[in-house]
Amino acid sequence: MCRLAVTGIAMAILHVGTAQTVQQGTPVFRTQTRLLELSVVVQDANGHLVKDLKQEDFEIFDNGVKQDIRLFRLEEYGTSSIEPNTDSSESWSESRPGILSNRPVAESAPPNPPTVLVIDAANTWSPGSMAWADLVYARKEVIRFLQRLHPENRIGIYIVGSQRLWIVREYNQTCAAVLDRLKEWKEEGTKPRRQKYNDVWTEFAVHIGHFDPYTARELQRSQFGKGAVPSPGDFGTLGVIAAIGRHLEAVPGRKNVILVSGTAFLPTDHKNQITALRDIIARNISVYTIDPAGLAPYALDASFVIPSSVTAFSSGRGDLAVQQCLAAAYASKRESMMYLQTSLTDFAETTGGRVFVNTNDVMGAIQKSFEDSQVSYTLGYYPNNRRAGEFHTLRVKARGNRSLTLRHRNGYFDPSPPSTDPERHYRELEQLVWSPVDSSVIELTAGIQPMPGKGAYAVGLRIGVGDLSVSLADDRHTARIEILVAQLDSAGNEYEPQLQTLQLNLKPGSWEEALAAGFAHRVAIKLNPKSLSVRVVVRDLETGDAGTLTIPARAFAVH
């Protein structure tokens, strides 16, 4: 099934043509020096957040060289006075009636930084790594954390399977509906009922996210490696975190990902670690890592029916071969645990987050991660001596005699120019097409209009030219982009890909208009009956930056 997707995009690349040329001319691209922003959390000797520092109190060193700070901003969050949002389980956003956007509408005075709780449920249980009781306890702790949130708090809840990512709640949604559903779940648990899902995270997703039976079964299979449908994109845990970073990139200020994972392993040497984390570092998010493995046995939730494969291992039942595998697995468990904890520590420290291991207080760890950046500082400077692909180490110091702890990402990569290799070009587009969440690096909005003919529609795009690498030559603003429109189903198939290159060469008046309202471009499509969604990809051919927008098939049905 995946071969269809590979052939579709590859053929589109081979036959790509130039779309309408806008005021054609020869673009002269300029090398842009972009402001590099760095989020810093500062705590005093007692672990309290510090919020009285000024710009002159900070020093930034890039590869050991002191930099001039050109941007200083205090990010402080508090209780909001706005009304909670009404509940919405949609994974796409309508910025205004009939207009879809890859940047959800920002509300004023959010009470907490953009935060996503990522639960790694991909084949997590194993006799050599985590006990079944650990997973049950971790779920209980996640629920305890959610129950303590304020209705106006906003937190995304994403569940990672072996091949997919499920959005239970989006990061810009308030927690009011989650609290209501937790209350309903608790009340439901006091009544006799038939248990439909006997694993840890599927039941959670069904109650919190109102997953339909098909999606719930896919999640359940994904947890135990049985029947999960692979997608063409190669997304492990690190790939998913990088995609989430692209999803959050347009949101200003500090962005946090709280990762609860028993399977996030990194290479052992520093150089390969940095390479593995390259895309995550580039996204400028802080990752807080939590090891859910417990230090002592727990009492299992009585409502759970533990899978027979687990009880066979746990109770000693099973044939001799099974028991030999069990003994070998437990013999290596300590080594695996130490490897995991080292990986989680390096992951957090590299990205400017915190690590929580060797603790049964999973709820407390999530709470500390959530509260940690209620106060942070954004510092910006213009790097010099940049070389494509080079890694720069960063160090921030606070002047004065106070005993302060500063946390920030420990480096960044100089951007590399997009590859001209067709095979790599295809792989990069494939990643964007099948990414589990949309990228907000380039702003995209879209409206849908029906056209004559069954299943025929026009997608009217507005592209944020302020996010493109634009050159000024002969009084014209020039840029070059590619636009890919692909129709997808849930089984890894892709239909009717359309790939175009588009050259912008805008006069001053047209440029000002595009800067204010977005550059308008129209794409005609014929919706395949098998398609469940349409993914629009807009990619800057100068920098490789991209924005994506997913339009569910049901959005066409209302037009």
Protein backbone atom coordinates (compact mmCIF):
# COMPACT_ATOMS: atom_id res chain seq x y z
CA MET A 1 0.00 0.00 0.00
CA CYS A 2 2.82 2.39 0.80
CA ARG A 3 4.25 1.93 -2.68
CA LEU A 4 1.35 3.94 -4.06
CA ALA A 5 2.39 6.98 -2.06
CA VAL A 6 6.03 6.62 -3.07
CA THR A 7 5.15 6.36 -6.74
CA GLY A 8 2.64 9.22 -6.60
CA ILE A 9 4.93 11.88 -5.12
CA ALA A 10 7.99 10.66 -7.03
CA MET A 11 6.12 10.87 -10.34
CA ALA A 12 4.83 14.32 -9.43
CA ILE A 13 8.42 15.46 -8.87
CA LEU A 14 9.56 13.99 -12.18
CA HIS A 15 6.75 15.74 -14.07
CA VAL A 16 6.68 18.97 -12.13
CA GLY A 17 5.82 21.99 -14.21
CA THR A 18 5.85 25.68 -13.50
CA ALA A 19 2.50 27.01 -12.41
CA GLN A 20 1.29 30.44 -13.36
CA THR A 21 4.22 32.83 -13.26
CA VAL A 22 3.53 36.01 -11.38
CA GLN A 23 5.08 39.04 -13.05
CA GLN A 24 7.96 36.89 -14.27
CA GLY A 25 11.57 37.97 -13.83
CA THR A 26 14.91 36.58 -12.71
CA PRO A 27 15.02 36.44 -8.89
CA VAL A 28 18.22 37.42 -7.16
CA PHE A 29 18.16 35.75 -3.76
CA ARG A 30 19.93 37.36 -0.87
CA THR A 31 21.51 35.70 2.10
CA GLN A 32 19.46 36.58 5.14
CA THR A 33 20.81 36.83 8.66
CA ARG A 34 17.90 35.95 10.87
CA LEU A 35 17.48 36.89 14.48
CA LEU A 36 18.17 33.86 16.66
CA GLU A 37 15.83 33.68 19.65
CA LEU A 38 16.65 31.80 22.82
CA SER A 39 14.25 31.01 25.66
CA VAL A 40 15.81 31.01 29.14
CA VAL A 41 14.28 29.86 32.43
CA VAL A 42 15.96 31.25 35.58
CA GLN A 43 15.57 29.83 39.10
CA ASP A 44 17.09 30.92 42.38
CA ALA A 45 18.80 28.70 44.95
CA ASN A 46 15.41 27.67 46.37
CA GLY A 47 14.03 26.62 42.99
CA HIS A 48 11.77 29.67 42.63
CA LEU A 49 11.35 31.32 39.24
CA VAL A 50 13.14 34.67 38.89
CA LYS A 51 11.36 37.48 37.07
CA ASP A 52 13.23 40.68 38.00
CA LEU A 53 16.21 40.43 35.61
CA LYS A 54 16.94 43.05 32.94
CA GLN A 55 18.60 42.81 29.56
CA GLU A 56 21.92 44.01 30.97
CA ASP A 57 21.89 41.12 33.45
CA PHE A 58 22.40 38.54 30.68
CA GLU A 59 25.37 37.54 28.55
CA ILE A 60 25.16 35.18 25.55
CA PHE A 61 28.17 33.28 24.21
CA ASP A 62 27.99 31.63 20.77
CA ASN A 63 30.89 29.17 20.33
CA GLY A 64 32.56 31.05 23.16
CA VAL A 65 32.16 34.48 21.53
CA LYS A 66 30.09 37.08 23.37
CA GLN A 67 27.10 38.38 21.38
CA ASP A 68 25.18 41.66 21.37
CA ILE A 69 21.66 41.08 22.69
CA ARG A 70 19.23 42.78 20.30
CA LEU A 71 15.96 41.39 21.68
CA PHE A 72 14.82 41.10 25.29
CA ARG A 73 11.37 40.04 26.41
CA LEU A 74 9.99 38.80 29.73
CA GLU A 75 7.39 36.06 29.23
CA GLU A 76 5.13 35.87 32.28
CA TYR A 77 1.90 33.91 32.44
CA GLY A 78 -0.83 34.06 35.02
CA THR A 79 -4.49 33.40 35.59
CA SER A 80 -6.57 34.52 32.64
CA SER A 81 -9.91 36.29 32.91
CA ILE A 82 -11.20 35.06 29.56
CA GLU A 83 -14.08 32.63 29.22
CA PRO A 84 -13.18 28.99 28.44
CA ASN A 85 -13.58 27.79 24.87
CA THR A 86 -16.44 25.57 23.92
CA ASP A 87 -15.33 22.00 23.34
CA SER A 88 -14.03 20.99 19.94
CA SER A 89 -12.53 17.68 18.94
CA GLU A 90 -11.47 18.89 15.50
CA SER A 91 -7.78 18.60 14.60
CA TRP A 92 -8.12 21.39 12.04
CA SER A 93 -8.82 25.03 12.70
CA GLU A 94 -11.23 27.52 11.18
CA SER A 95 -9.74 30.98 11.67
CA ARG A 96 -13.06 32.52 10.54
CA PRO A 97 -16.20 30.97 9.02
CA GLY A 98 -15.28 28.90 5.98
CA ILE A 99 -11.54 29.62 6.24
CA LEU A 100 -9.14 26.92 7.43
CA SER A 101 -5.71 27.75 8.86
CA ASN A 102 -2.54 25.98 9.96
CA ARG A 103 -2.20 28.52 12.75
CA PRO A 104 -5.01 28.17 15.31
CA VAL A 105 -6.52 31.43 16.44
CA ALA A 106 -4.53 32.82 19.38
CA GLU A 107 -6.58 34.01 22.34
CA SER A 108 -5.55 36.93 24.50
CA ALA A 109 -3.78 36.40 27.81
CA PRO A 110 -3.30 32.62 27.80
CA PRO A 111 -2.71 31.41 31.36
CA ASN A 112 0.20 29.11 30.48
CA PRO A 113 2.85 28.72 27.77
CA PRO A 114 2.06 26.53 24.75
CA THR A 115 2.43 23.03 26.18
CA VAL A 116 1.93 19.55 24.76
CA LEU A 117 1.83 16.36 26.84
CA VAL A 118 3.17 13.54 24.64
CA ILE A 119 2.42 10.01 25.83
CA ASP A 120 4.61 7.38 24.20
CA ALA A 121 2.37 4.32 23.92
CA ALA A 122 4.29 2.55 21.15
CA ASN A 123 4.91 -1.01 22.35
CA THR A 124 5.92 0.44 25.71
CA TRP A 125 5.15 -2.64 27.77
CA SER A 126 7.90 -5.24 27.77
CA PRO A 127 9.14 -7.61 30.47
CA GLY A 128 12.61 -6.23 29.81
CA SER A 129 11.71 -2.57 30.29
CA MET A 130 8.40 -1.72 31.98
CA ALA A 131 5.99 -3.61 34.17
CA TRP A 132 2.29 -3.52 33.33
CA ALA A 133 1.65 -1.90 36.70
CA ASP A 134 3.98 0.97 35.71
CA LEU A 135 1.77 1.84 32.75
CA VAL A 136 -1.41 1.70 34.81
CA TYR A 137 0.20 3.89 37.46
CA ALA A 138 1.47 6.36 34.84
CA ARG A 139 -2.04 6.72 33.45
CA LYS A 140 -3.41 7.30 36.93
CA GLU A 141 -0.80 10.02 37.50
CA VAL A 142 -1.61 11.72 34.18
CA ILE A 143 -5.28 11.80 35.19
CA ARG A 144 -4.39 13.24 38.61
CA PHE A 145 -2.42 16.00 36.89
CA LEU A 146 -5.28 16.84 34.53
CA GLN A 147 -7.76 16.93 37.41
CA ARG A 148 -5.72 19.67 39.09
CA LEU A 149 -5.70 21.98 36.08
CA HIS A 150 -7.77 25.14 35.90
CA PRO A 151 -10.55 25.07 33.28
CA GLU A 152 -8.84 27.95 31.47
CA ASN A 153 -5.48 26.17 31.23
CA ARG A 154 -4.51 24.97 27.78
CA ILE A 155 -2.54 21.80 27.18
CA GLY A 156 -2.28 19.52 24.17
CA ILE A 157 -2.53 15.77 24.70
CA TYR A 158 -0.91 13.65 21.98
CA ILE A 159 -0.53 9.86 22.02
CA VAL A 160 2.29 8.32 19.97
CA GLY A 161 1.77 4.82 18.56
CA SER A 162 4.20 2.61 16.71
CA GLN A 163 3.29 4.19 13.35
CA ARG A 164 1.02 7.14 14.07
CA LEU A 165 0.24 10.05 16.33
CA TRP A 166 -3.22 10.76 17.70
CA ILE A 167 -4.27 14.22 18.86
CA VAL A 168 -6.56 13.76 21.85
CA ARG A 169 -6.61 17.51 22.52
CA GLU A 170 -4.96 20.38 20.66
CA TYR A 171 -2.58 22.74 22.48
CA ASN A 172 -4.79 25.81 22.05
CA GLN A 173 -7.90 24.21 23.58
CA THR A 174 -8.91 24.93 27.16
CA CYS A 175 -9.19 22.13 29.70
CA ALA A 176 -12.83 22.76 30.66
CA ALA A 177 -14.13 19.87 28.52
CA VAL A 178 -11.35 17.55 29.72
CA LEU A 179 -12.33 18.16 33.34
CA ASP A 180 -15.97 17.47 32.51
CA ARG A 181 -15.08 14.21 30.77
CA LEU A 182 -12.87 13.10 33.66
CA LYS A 183 -15.78 13.70 36.02
CA GLU A 184 -18.11 11.71 33.78
CA TRP A 185 -15.56 8.89 33.55
CA LYS A 186 -15.25 8.73 37.34
CA GLU A 187 -19.01 8.60 37.76
CA GLU A 188 -19.28 5.96 35.05
CA GLY A 189 -16.66 3.87 36.84
CA THR A 190 -18.98 3.49 39.85
CA LYS A 191 -21.56 1.68 37.73
CA PRO A 192 -21.38 -1.85 36.29
CA ARG A 193 -20.37 -1.70 32.65
CA ARG A 194 -18.77 -3.79 29.99
CA GLN A 195 -15.05 -3.18 29.50
CA LYS A 196 -14.41 -2.48 25.80
CA TYR A 197 -10.69 -1.69 25.87
CA ASN A 198 -8.46 -3.43 28.36
CA ASP A 199 -5.20 -1.58 27.76
CA VAL A 200 -3.91 1.55 29.40
CA TRP A 201 -4.05 4.37 26.88
CA THR A 202 -6.90 3.38 24.55
CA GLU A 203 -9.50 3.66 27.29
CA PHE A 204 -7.99 7.02 28.25
CA ALA A 205 -8.27 8.29 24.66
CA VAL A 206 -11.83 7.02 24.29
CA HIS A 207 -13.01 8.89 27.38
CA ILE A 208 -10.92 12.07 27.06
CA GLY A 209 -10.92 12.43 23.26
CA HIS A 210 -14.17 10.64 22.37
CA PHE A 211 -12.31 8.41 19.89
CA ASP A 212 -14.49 6.43 17.53
CA PRO A 213 -14.25 2.58 17.65
CA TYR A 214 -12.06 2.34 14.53
CA THR A 215 -9.50 4.84 15.84
CA ALA A 216 -9.54 3.20 19.27
CA ARG A 217 -8.77 -0.20 17.75
CA GLU A 218 -5.91 1.28 15.73
CA LEU A 219 -4.45 2.81 18.88
CA GLN A 220 -4.83 -0.44 20.79
CA ARG A 221 -3.07 -2.43 18.06
CA SER A 222 -0.35 0.18 17.85
CA GLN A 223 0.45 -0.25 21.54
CA PHE A 224 1.13 -3.94 21.13
CA GLY A 225 2.52 -4.03 17.59
CA LYS A 226 -0.39 -5.97 16.10
CA GLY A 227 -1.81 -4.79 12.82
CA ALA A 228 -0.80 -1.14 12.97
CA VAL A 229 -0.88 0.30 9.44
CA PRO A 230 2.51 1.81 8.53
CA SER A 231 2.65 5.23 6.95
CA PRO A 232 5.17 6.15 4.23
CA GLY A 233 6.90 8.68 6.50
CA ASP A 234 9.55 7.33 8.86
CA PHE A 235 8.44 8.75 12.24
CA GLY A 236 9.84 7.39 15.46
CA THR A 237 9.53 9.22 18.76
CA LEU A 238 12.20 11.76 17.78
CA GLY A 239 10.54 12.38 14.41
CA VAL A 240 7.21 12.99 16.10
CA ILE A 241 8.74 15.50 18.54
CA ALA A 242 10.39 17.33 15.62
CA ALA A 243 7.04 17.45 13.80
CA ILE A 244 5.40 18.86 16.93
CA GLY A 245 8.12 21.50 16.99
CA ARG A 246 7.24 22.54 13.43
CA HIS A 247 3.59 22.55 14.46
CA LEU A 248 4.34 25.01 17.31
CA GLU A 249 7.02 27.06 15.57
CA ALA A 250 4.84 30.04 14.72
CA VAL A 251 3.72 30.42 18.34
CA PRO A 252 5.79 33.15 20.05
CA GLY A 253 7.61 32.60 23.33
CA ARG A 254 8.66 29.44 25.08
CA LYS A 255 7.16 26.17 23.85
CA ASN A 256 7.17 23.04 26.00
CA VAL A 257 6.81 19.35 25.24
CA ILE A 258 6.35 17.01 28.21
CA LEU A 259 7.38 13.53 27.06
CA VAL A 260 6.32 10.48 29.08
CA SER A 261 8.28 7.66 27.47
CA GLY A 262 9.91 4.38 28.31
CA THR A 263 11.33 3.93 24.81
CA ALA A 264 13.09 7.22 23.89
CA PHE A 265 16.66 6.01 23.36
CA LEU A 266 19.47 8.19 21.97
CA PRO A 267 22.89 7.26 20.59
CA THR A 268 25.52 6.93 23.30
CA ASP A 269 28.13 9.36 21.88
CA HIS A 270 27.57 13.12 21.97
CA LYS A 271 28.12 13.80 18.26
CA ASN A 272 25.53 11.27 17.14
CA GLN A 273 23.15 12.47 19.86
CA ILE A 274 23.30 16.00 18.46
CA THR A 275 22.72 14.67 14.95
CA ALA A 276 19.72 12.62 16.11
CA LEU A 277 18.25 15.68 17.83
CA ARG A 278 19.06 18.09 14.98
CA ASP A 279 15.48 18.66 13.79
CA ILE A 280 14.24 19.03 17.36
CA ILE A 281 16.95 21.56 18.25
CA ALA A 282 16.09 23.53 15.10
CA ARG A 283 12.46 23.80 16.23
CA ASN A 284 13.46 25.66 19.42
CA ILE A 285 11.24 23.73 21.81
CA SER A 286 12.08 22.62 25.35
CA VAL A 287 11.50 18.94 26.08
CA TYR A 288 10.74 17.76 29.61
CA THR A 289 11.35 14.01 29.83
CA ILE A 290 9.70 11.68 32.34
CA ASP A 291 10.53 8.03 32.90
CA PRO A 292 7.24 6.36 33.88
CA ALA A 293 8.89 3.21 35.24
CA GLY A 294 8.17 2.83 38.95
CA LEU A 295 10.43 2.04 41.86
CA ALA A 296 8.00 -0.26 43.67
CA PRO A 297 4.93 -2.40 42.90
CA TYR A 298 1.56 -0.71 42.69
CA ALA A 299 -1.99 -1.86 43.22
CA LEU A 300 -3.56 -2.24 39.79
CA ASP A 301 -6.77 -0.47 38.91
CA ALA A 302 -9.50 -3.02 39.56
CA SER A 303 -11.35 -2.00 36.39
CA PHE A 304 -8.55 -3.35 34.20
CA VAL A 305 -8.59 -6.69 32.49
CA ILE A 306 -4.89 -7.32 32.01
CA PRO A 307 -4.09 -8.84 28.59
CA SER A 308 -3.41 -12.57 28.64
CA SER A 309 0.07 -12.05 27.21
CA VAL A 310 0.91 -9.97 30.27
CA THR A 311 -0.60 -12.34 32.82
CA ALA A 312 1.23 -15.27 31.22
CA PHE A 313 4.56 -13.56 31.84
CA SER A 314 3.65 -12.13 35.23
CA SER A 315 2.20 -15.29 36.77
CA GLY A 316 4.81 -17.69 35.51
CA ARG A 317 2.44 -19.47 33.14
CA GLY A 318 3.58 -20.28 29.64
CA ASP A 319 5.93 -22.78 28.05
CA LEU A 320 9.61 -23.14 28.82
CA ALA A 321 10.71 -20.98 25.90
CA VAL A 322 8.55 -18.13 27.18
CA GLN A 323 10.01 -18.41 30.66
CA GLN A 324 13.56 -18.45 29.29
CA CYS A 325 12.82 -15.28 27.33
CA LEU A 326 11.38 -13.73 30.48
CA ALA A 327 14.50 -14.55 32.51
CA ALA A 328 16.77 -13.11 29.84
CA ALA A 329 14.64 -9.98 29.61
CA TYR A 330 14.76 -9.32 33.35
CA ALA A 331 18.52 -9.91 33.36
CA SER A 332 18.96 -6.97 30.99
CA LYS A 333 16.27 -4.77 32.53
CA ARG A 334 18.61 -2.76 34.73
CA GLU A 335 20.97 -2.07 31.84
CA SER A 336 18.04 -0.95 29.67
CA MET A 337 16.72 1.28 32.45
CA MET A 338 20.08 3.02 32.87
CA TYR A 339 20.36 3.51 29.12
CA LEU A 340 16.86 5.03 29.00
CA GLN A 341 17.50 7.38 31.90
CA THR A 342 20.76 8.58 30.35
CA SER A 343 18.96 9.22 27.04
CA LEU A 344 16.12 11.11 28.74
CA THR A 345 18.65 13.24 30.64
CA ASP A 346 20.61 14.13 27.51
CA PHE A 347 17.39 14.81 25.62
CA ALA A 348 16.17 17.31 28.23
CA GLU A 349 19.48 19.06 28.83
CA THR A 350 20.16 19.52 25.11
CA THR A 351 16.80 21.21 24.52
CA GLY A 352 16.67 23.29 27.72
CA GLY A 353 14.10 21.20 29.56
CA ARG A 354 14.28 19.04 32.70
CA VAL A 355 14.47 15.31 33.33
CA PHE A 356 12.53 13.32 35.94
CA VAL A 357 13.74 9.79 36.69
CA ASN A 358 13.86 7.50 39.72
CA THR A 359 10.63 8.85 41.12
CA ASN A 360 7.16 7.48 41.63
CA ASP A 361 5.76 11.00 41.51
CA VAL A 362 4.88 11.09 37.82
CA MET A 363 2.05 13.54 38.48
CA GLY A 364 4.41 15.85 40.38
CA ALA A 365 6.95 15.68 37.55
CA ILE A 366 4.34 16.66 34.97
CA GLN A 367 3.10 19.45 37.24
CA LYS A 368 6.63 20.85 37.70
CA SER A 369 7.21 20.70 33.95
CA PHE A 370 3.95 22.53 33.35
CA GLU A 371 4.72 25.26 35.87
CA ASP A 372 8.44 25.55 35.14
CA SER A 373 8.18 28.18 32.43
CA GLN A 374 5.41 30.34 33.80
CA VAL A 375 8.22 32.91 33.81
CA SER A 376 10.91 32.89 31.13
CA TYR A 377 13.08 35.32 29.17
CA THR A 378 13.40 35.53 25.39
CA LEU A 379 16.81 36.76 24.26
CA GLY A 380 17.72 37.43 20.64
CA TYR A 381 20.87 38.22 18.69
CA TYR A 382 22.18 38.09 15.12
CA PRO A 383 24.76 35.29 14.77
CA ASN A 384 27.86 35.81 12.69
CA ASN A 385 30.56 33.49 11.32
CA ARG A 386 27.89 31.06 10.16
CA ARG A 387 28.67 28.01 8.05
CA ALA A 388 26.02 25.79 6.53
CA GLY A 389 25.23 22.83 8.77
CA GLU A 390 27.66 23.77 11.56
CA PHE A 391 26.62 23.20 15.18
CA HIS A 392 27.11 26.16 17.54
CA THR A 393 27.30 25.74 21.31
CA LEU A 394 25.37 28.27 23.37
CA ARG A 395 25.94 29.49 26.89
CA VAL A 396 23.97 32.13 28.78
CA LYS A 397 25.28 33.70 31.98
CA ALA A 398 23.62 35.98 34.53
CA ARG A 399 25.75 38.75 35.94
CA GLY A 400 25.94 39.49 39.65
CA ASN A 401 26.53 37.50 42.79
CA ARG A 402 23.16 35.74 42.99
CA SER A 403 23.13 31.97 42.89
CA LEU A 404 20.97 31.33 39.85
CA THR A 405 20.30 28.31 37.64
CA LEU A 406 19.68 29.01 33.96
CA ARG A 407 18.15 26.50 31.53
CA HIS A 408 18.15 26.88 27.75
CA ARG A 409 18.95 24.81 24.70
CA ASN A 410 22.67 24.19 24.49
CA GLY A 411 23.18 24.94 20.80
CA TYR A 412 21.78 25.26 17.30
CA PHE A 413 22.63 24.31 13.74
CA ASP A 414 23.33 26.76 10.95
CA PRO A 415 20.74 26.13 8.24
CA SER A 416 21.82 24.17 5.20
CA PRO A 417 20.60 25.05 1.72
CA PRO A 418 17.94 22.70 0.33
CA SER A 419 19.39 19.68 -1.41
CA THR A 420 19.29 19.50 -5.20
CA ASP A 421 19.32 15.69 -5.04
CA PRO A 422 15.94 14.51 -6.46
CA GLU A 423 15.84 11.50 -4.12
CA ARG A 424 16.38 13.63 -1.03
CA HIS A 425 13.88 16.17 -2.38
CA TYR A 426 11.32 13.39 -2.63
CA ARG A 427 12.03 12.15 0.91
CA GLU A 428 11.65 15.66 2.36
CA LEU A 429 8.33 16.17 0.59
CA GLU A 430 7.16 12.75 1.71
CA GLN A 431 7.92 13.65 5.32
CA LEU A 432 5.88 16.84 4.97
CA VAL A 433 2.97 15.05 3.31
CA TRP A 434 2.76 12.35 5.99
CA SER A 435 3.80 14.39 9.01
CA PRO A 436 1.49 13.56 11.95
CA VAL A 437 0.75 17.27 12.56
CA ASP A 438 0.75 20.36 10.38
CA SER A 439 3.77 22.66 10.16
CA SER A 440 3.13 26.34 10.93
CA VAL A 441 6.51 27.66 9.73
CA ILE A 442 4.82 29.25 6.68
CA GLU A 443 1.32 30.55 7.37
CA LEU A 444 -1.40 29.01 5.22
CA THR A 445 -5.13 29.63 5.04
CA ALA A 446 -7.59 28.09 2.62
CA GLY A 447 -11.16 28.45 1.49
CA ILE A 448 -13.13 25.85 -0.49
CA GLN A 449 -15.45 26.49 -3.42
CA PRO A 450 -17.36 23.86 -5.43
CA MET A 451 -16.76 23.67 -9.18
CA PRO A 452 -18.83 22.12 -11.97
CA GLY A 453 -18.49 18.35 -12.00
CA LYS A 454 -18.79 15.64 -9.38
CA GLY A 455 -16.16 15.97 -6.66
CA ALA A 456 -14.60 19.06 -8.26
CA TYR A 457 -13.46 21.87 -5.97
CA ALA A 458 -11.23 24.92 -5.96
CA VAL A 459 -8.97 25.45 -2.96
CA GLY A 460 -8.18 29.14 -2.57
CA LEU A 461 -4.87 29.49 -0.74
CA ARG A 462 -3.42 32.48 1.06
CA ILE A 463 0.33 32.11 1.62
CA GLY A 464 2.15 34.15 4.25
CA VAL A 465 4.88 35.84 2.22
CA GLY A 466 6.35 37.32 5.40
CA ASP A 467 7.55 33.80 6.26
CA LEU A 468 9.40 33.36 2.92
CA SER A 469 12.97 34.18 2.02
CA VAL A 470 12.34 37.21 -0.21
CA SER A 471 14.82 39.24 -2.24
CA LEU A 472 14.52 42.80 -3.51
CA ALA A 473 15.80 43.26 -7.05
CA ASP A 474 14.89 46.03 -9.51
CA ASP A 475 12.17 47.25 -7.16
CA ARG A 476 10.55 43.80 -7.18
CA HIS A 477 10.09 41.36 -4.30
CA THR A 478 11.04 37.91 -5.52
CA ALA A 479 10.68 34.42 -4.07
CA ARG A 480 10.32 30.89 -5.38
CA ILE A 481 8.13 28.25 -3.81
CA GLU A 482 6.69 24.84 -4.59
CA ILE A 483 3.15 23.77 -3.81
CA LEU A 484 2.15 20.13 -3.40
CA VAL A 485 -1.46 19.04 -2.95
CA ALA A 486 -2.00 15.37 -2.10
CA GLN A 487 -5.07 13.38 -1.10
CA LEU A 488 -4.56 10.80 1.67
CA ASP A 489 -6.37 7.94 3.34
CA SER A 490 -5.63 6.30 6.70
CA ALA A 491 -3.96 3.21 5.20
CA GLY A 492 -0.83 4.87 3.83
CA ASN A 493 -2.19 5.57 0.34
CA GLU A 494 -1.92 8.85 -1.53
CA TYR A 495 -3.96 9.93 -4.55
CA GLU A 496 -3.72 12.51 -7.36
CA PRO A 497 -0.62 14.47 -6.23
CA GLN A 498 -0.23 17.90 -7.83
CA LEU A 499 3.18 19.56 -7.60
CA GLN A 500 3.87 23.06 -8.94
CA THR A 501 6.68 25.57 -8.73
CA LEU A 502 5.67 29.19 -8.43
CA GLN A 503 7.84 32.24 -8.94
CA LEU A 504 6.77 35.45 -7.22
CA ASN A 505 7.99 38.72 -8.66
CA LEU A 506 5.84 41.40 -7.08
CA LYS A 507 5.76 45.17 -7.55
CA PRO A 508 5.70 47.26 -4.34
CA GLY A 509 1.92 47.66 -4.29
CA SER A 510 1.28 43.94 -4.86
CA TRP A 511 3.89 43.09 -2.24
CA GLU A 512 2.23 45.25 0.42
CA GLU A 513 -1.12 43.69 -0.37
CA ALA A 514 0.32 40.15 -0.16
CA LEU A 515 2.11 40.97 3.07
CA ALA A 516 -1.14 42.11 4.66
CA ALA A 517 -3.53 39.44 3.36
CA GLY A 518 -1.31 36.64 2.08
CA PHE A 519 -0.42 35.77 -1.49
CA ALA A 520 -3.48 34.33 -3.27
CA HIS A 521 -3.17 31.13 -5.28
CA ARG A 522 -5.92 28.82 -6.53
CA VAL A 523 -5.66 25.02 -6.91
CA ALA A 524 -8.34 22.94 -8.63
CA ILE A 525 -8.77 19.37 -7.36
CA LYS A 526 -11.07 16.44 -8.00
CA LEU A 527 -11.69 14.74 -4.66
CA ASN A 528 -11.07 11.00 -4.77
CA PRO A 529 -13.87 9.05 -3.01
CA LYS A 530 -11.24 7.11 -1.05
CA SER A 531 -9.55 10.24 0.33
CA LEU A 532 -10.05 11.11 3.97
CA SER A 533 -8.03 14.32 3.88
CA VAL A 534 -6.16 16.71 1.59
CA ARG A 535 -2.67 17.85 2.63
CA VAL A 536 -1.39 21.13 1.16
CA VAL A 537 2.38 21.69 1.34
CA VAL A 538 4.04 25.02 0.55
CA ARG A 539 7.83 24.93 0.59
CA ASP A 540 10.34 27.78 0.23
CA LEU A 541 12.87 26.58 -2.36
CA GLU A 542 15.53 28.95 -1.03
CA THR A 543 15.49 27.83 2.61
CA GLY A 544 13.56 24.55 2.66
CA ASP A 545 11.09 26.00 5.20
CA ALA A 546 7.57 24.70 4.77
CA GLY A 547 4.02 25.14 5.91
CA THR A 548 1.35 22.45 5.66
CA LEU A 549 -2.41 22.49 5.99
CA THR A 550 -4.60 19.41 6.37
CA ILE A 551 -8.19 19.71 5.10
CA PRO A 552 -10.44 16.80 6.14
CA ALA A 553 -12.68 15.40 3.44
CA ARG A 554 -15.73 16.31 5.52
CA ALA A 555 -14.81 20.00 5.08
CA PHE A 556 -15.53 19.63 1.33
CA ALA A 557 -18.88 18.00 2.03
CA VAL A 558 -20.29 21.18 3.59
CA HIS A 559 -19.65 23.21 0.44
